[in-house]
């Protein structure tokens, strides 16, 4: 088989490769001639020559191969994250320069807010002037729950906004649906307020009256960016609206997520991230939970699928078909 007729992504198994690899596992080996139909098996290290006969190819254990491929995937993801951070660090001072030039009627289209306190003040000022709507994406922030005064201040600000006749729409991760501070918040707020949740959401986003938005401007969220550019605001609103339609209602009326064949919705989300090769820390961050909780759910998922190792778990997830289900 020529290269022109046998082309697919790196570290992928085509149909011919999967059939030949399965045969090698059953029989213990295949001939080098047979392997010409699926050279990808040699390229990604699933077949290797026997020590005593170079014309005989023996298969690598699936669990060993999976662990190797997942490790390579994790390395690429880590490289991309580091590259993204370098790009962000490069552009951060340029954004500061750009805010001085991007003005419209003396109001900057982009403005850096140099501290969490300044960002909070700017949000409060925008909501004080707002009369229509607040759209918010709020990823889990464990540090906030350790500072009750922040939650109390946000409650007063939001209630004042609702009292002006405006409405609030908020998106969270599924993991905070039943958190005490979240439940207390929506038990106390009165007015036109709704909340929904997803497995994963974007970074923090607050939009007031579809005229001004606030997003993080640094990885540690110590800097914020105030955005008033109409095109960017329209983009943010469109992103929010699409996520809102996909999300599960949690207030004022909660919709429970179903458990299918012993796999909870949270375990389903973890399974999807596991097969992508993410570490426990990354899974916990993206789903809004601490690492210990993530590992508990991974252990329960492994027990449900009968897995004895991390590498085997990824294989069993793929074979089980649980990620093929809708929703």
Foldseek 3Di string as FASTA:
>chain_A
DDCVVADDDQPDADPLRVVVLVVLVVVQWDFQVSCVVPVSCVVLVQWAADPVGRRIIGGDDLLVSLVVVLVVLQVVVVVVVVVVQVVLVVCLVVLCVVQVVQDDPNHGQKDKQQFPVSVVVVVLVLLVPFQAEKEKEDEADVVVVVPVVVLVVVLVSVLVSQVSVYEYEYEYFPVCLPPVSVVVSQVPRDHHYWYWYHQFDDFIWMQTPLQWMKGASHPVSGMIMIGRDNVVSVVVVVRRVVVVVVTATRPPDGDDDDADLNQHPNLLQLLVVLLSSDDLCVSCRRRRHDSVVSVVSVVSQCVSQVHDDSSVSNVSSVVVCSNVDDD
